[in-house]
Amino acid sequence: MTKRSPEKKIRKAPFVAIFIFLVFGAIGISLGEPSRVLEQATQICLSCIGIG
């Protein structure tokens, strides 16, 4: 008699989470968020070193 190993089920939750994050990332990019974040980061850095 041979022992059968139980079939491993593929967990779906990680794939769903990755898909949701990719969708939200695409929405953010399409709304121009990266340029806004970089603009704010530049303003903060300039004010921290006393230039802005």
N, C-alpha and C. Protein backbone atom coordinates (compact mmCIF):
# COMPACT_ATOMS: atom_id res chain seq x y z
N MET A 1 0.83 -1.18 0.00
CA MET A 1 0.00 0.00 0.00
C MET A 1 0.87 1.25 0.00
N THR A 2 0.49 2.18 -0.80
CA THR A 2 1.23 3.44 -0.83
C THR A 2 0.43 4.51 -0.11
N LYS A 3 1.16 5.32 0.61
CA LYS A 3 0.50 6.41 1.32
C LYS A 3 0.35 7.59 0.38
N ARG A 4 -0.81 8.15 0.37
CA ARG A 4 -1.06 9.33 -0.45
C ARG A 4 -0.88 10.57 0.40
N SER A 5 -0.09 11.47 -0.09
CA SER A 5 0.05 12.73 0.65
C SER A 5 -1.19 13.58 0.38
N PRO A 6 -1.63 14.28 1.39
CA PRO A 6 -2.82 15.11 1.17
C PRO A 6 -2.50 16.20 0.15
N GLU A 7 -3.46 16.46 -0.70
CA GLU A 7 -3.26 17.47 -1.73
C GLU A 7 -3.18 18.85 -1.07
N LYS A 8 -2.21 19.60 -1.51
CA LYS A 8 -2.05 20.94 -0.95
C LYS A 8 -2.98 21.90 -1.69
N LYS A 9 -3.75 22.63 -0.90
CA LYS A 9 -4.64 23.61 -1.50
C LYS A 9 -3.87 24.92 -1.71
N ILE A 10 -4.15 25.56 -2.79
CA ILE A 10 -3.54 26.86 -3.06
C ILE A 10 -4.35 27.92 -2.33
N ARG A 11 -3.66 28.68 -1.49
CA ARG A 11 -4.34 29.73 -0.76
C ARG A 11 -4.63 30.89 -1.70
N LYS A 12 -5.84 31.38 -1.69
CA LYS A 12 -6.24 32.44 -2.61
C LYS A 12 -6.08 33.83 -2.02
N ALA A 13 -6.08 33.95 -0.71
CA ALA A 13 -6.03 35.27 -0.06
C ALA A 13 -4.80 36.08 -0.46
N PRO A 14 -3.59 35.51 -0.51
CA PRO A 14 -2.44 36.33 -0.91
C PRO A 14 -2.57 36.87 -2.34
N PHE A 15 -3.12 36.07 -3.23
CA PHE A 15 -3.29 36.52 -4.61
C PHE A 15 -4.32 37.64 -4.71
N VAL A 16 -5.38 37.52 -3.93
CA VAL A 16 -6.41 38.57 -3.92
C VAL A 16 -5.82 39.86 -3.37
N ALA A 17 -5.05 39.76 -2.28
CA ALA A 17 -4.44 40.95 -1.69
C ALA A 17 -3.47 41.62 -2.66
N ILE A 18 -2.64 40.84 -3.33
CA ILE A 18 -1.70 41.41 -4.30
C ILE A 18 -2.46 42.09 -5.44
N PHE A 19 -3.53 41.46 -5.91
CA PHE A 19 -4.32 42.05 -6.98
C PHE A 19 -4.92 43.38 -6.55
N ILE A 20 -5.46 43.43 -5.33
CA ILE A 20 -6.06 44.68 -4.82
C ILE A 20 -5.01 45.77 -4.72
N PHE A 21 -3.82 45.45 -4.20
CA PHE A 21 -2.76 46.45 -4.09
C PHE A 21 -2.33 46.94 -5.47
N LEU A 22 -2.27 46.05 -6.45
CA LEU A 22 -1.89 46.47 -7.80
C LEU A 22 -2.94 47.40 -8.40
N VAL A 23 -4.21 47.10 -8.16
CA VAL A 23 -5.29 47.96 -8.67
C VAL A 23 -5.20 49.34 -8.03
N PHE A 24 -5.03 49.38 -6.69
CA PHE A 24 -4.93 50.68 -6.02
C PHE A 24 -3.68 51.43 -6.46
N GLY A 25 -2.59 50.71 -6.69
CA GLY A 25 -1.37 51.36 -7.19
C GLY A 25 -1.57 51.96 -8.57
N ALA A 26 -2.26 51.25 -9.44
CA ALA A 26 -2.53 51.77 -10.78
C ALA A 26 -3.44 52.99 -10.72
N ILE A 27 -4.41 52.97 -9.83
CA ILE A 27 -5.30 54.13 -9.67
C ILE A 27 -4.51 55.34 -9.18
N GLY A 28 -3.64 55.13 -8.21
CA GLY A 28 -2.83 56.22 -7.68
C GLY A 28 -1.91 56.81 -8.74
N ILE A 29 -1.29 55.95 -9.54
CA ILE A 29 -0.40 56.42 -10.60
C ILE A 29 -1.19 57.21 -11.63
N SER A 30 -2.38 56.74 -11.98
CA SER A 30 -3.18 57.44 -12.98
C SER A 30 -3.67 58.80 -12.49
N LEU A 31 -3.77 58.97 -11.16
CA LEU A 31 -4.20 60.25 -10.60
C LEU A 31 -3.03 61.20 -10.34
N GLY A 32 -1.82 60.77 -10.63
CA GLY A 32 -0.65 61.64 -10.50
C GLY A 32 -0.08 61.72 -9.10
N GLU A 33 -0.31 60.72 -8.30
CA GLU A 33 0.19 60.74 -6.92
C GLU A 33 1.72 60.73 -6.82
N PRO A 34 2.45 59.99 -7.65
CA PRO A 34 3.91 59.99 -7.48
C PRO A 34 4.53 61.38 -7.59
N SER A 35 4.07 62.19 -8.54
CA SER A 35 4.63 63.53 -8.68
C SER A 35 4.27 64.40 -7.49
N ARG A 36 3.09 64.22 -6.96
CA ARG A 36 2.66 64.99 -5.78
C ARG A 36 3.51 64.62 -4.57
N VAL A 37 3.76 63.33 -4.39
CA VAL A 37 4.57 62.88 -3.26
C VAL A 37 5.99 63.42 -3.38
N LEU A 38 6.58 63.37 -4.57
CA LEU A 38 7.93 63.88 -4.76
C LEU A 38 7.99 65.39 -4.53
N GLU A 39 6.96 66.10 -4.97
CA GLU A 39 6.91 67.55 -4.75
C GLU A 39 6.87 67.87 -3.26
N GLN A 40 6.06 67.17 -2.51
CA GLN A 40 5.97 67.40 -1.07
C GLN A 40 7.27 67.01 -0.38
N ALA A 41 7.90 65.94 -0.81
CA ALA A 41 9.16 65.51 -0.21
C ALA A 41 10.24 66.55 -0.44
N THR A 42 10.27 67.14 -1.63
CA THR A 42 11.25 68.18 -1.92
C THR A 42 11.02 69.39 -1.04
N GLN A 43 9.78 69.79 -0.86
CA GLN A 43 9.46 70.95 -0.02
C GLN A 43 9.86 70.68 1.42
N ILE A 44 9.60 69.50 1.92
CA ILE A 44 9.95 69.17 3.30
C ILE A 44 11.46 69.18 3.46
N CYS A 45 12.19 68.59 2.54
CA CYS A 45 13.64 68.53 2.64
C CYS A 45 14.26 69.91 2.59
N LEU A 46 13.76 70.76 1.70
CA LEU A 46 14.31 72.11 1.59
C LEU A 46 14.04 72.92 2.85
N SER A 47 12.87 72.73 3.46
CA SER A 47 12.58 73.46 4.68
C SER A 47 13.38 72.91 5.86
N CYS A 48 13.72 71.63 5.84
CA CYS A 48 14.51 71.05 6.92
C CYS A 48 15.94 71.58 6.94
N ILE A 49 16.50 71.82 5.76
CA ILE A 49 17.89 72.29 5.72
C ILE A 49 17.97 73.82 5.68
N GLY A 50 16.83 74.49 5.74
CA GLY A 50 16.81 75.94 5.86
C GLY A 50 16.85 76.70 4.56
N ILE A 51 16.61 76.04 3.44
CA ILE A 51 16.64 76.76 2.15
C ILE A 51 15.26 77.29 1.80
N GLY A 52 14.24 76.50 2.05
CA GLY A 52 12.91 76.87 1.60
C GLY A 52 12.11 77.46 2.66
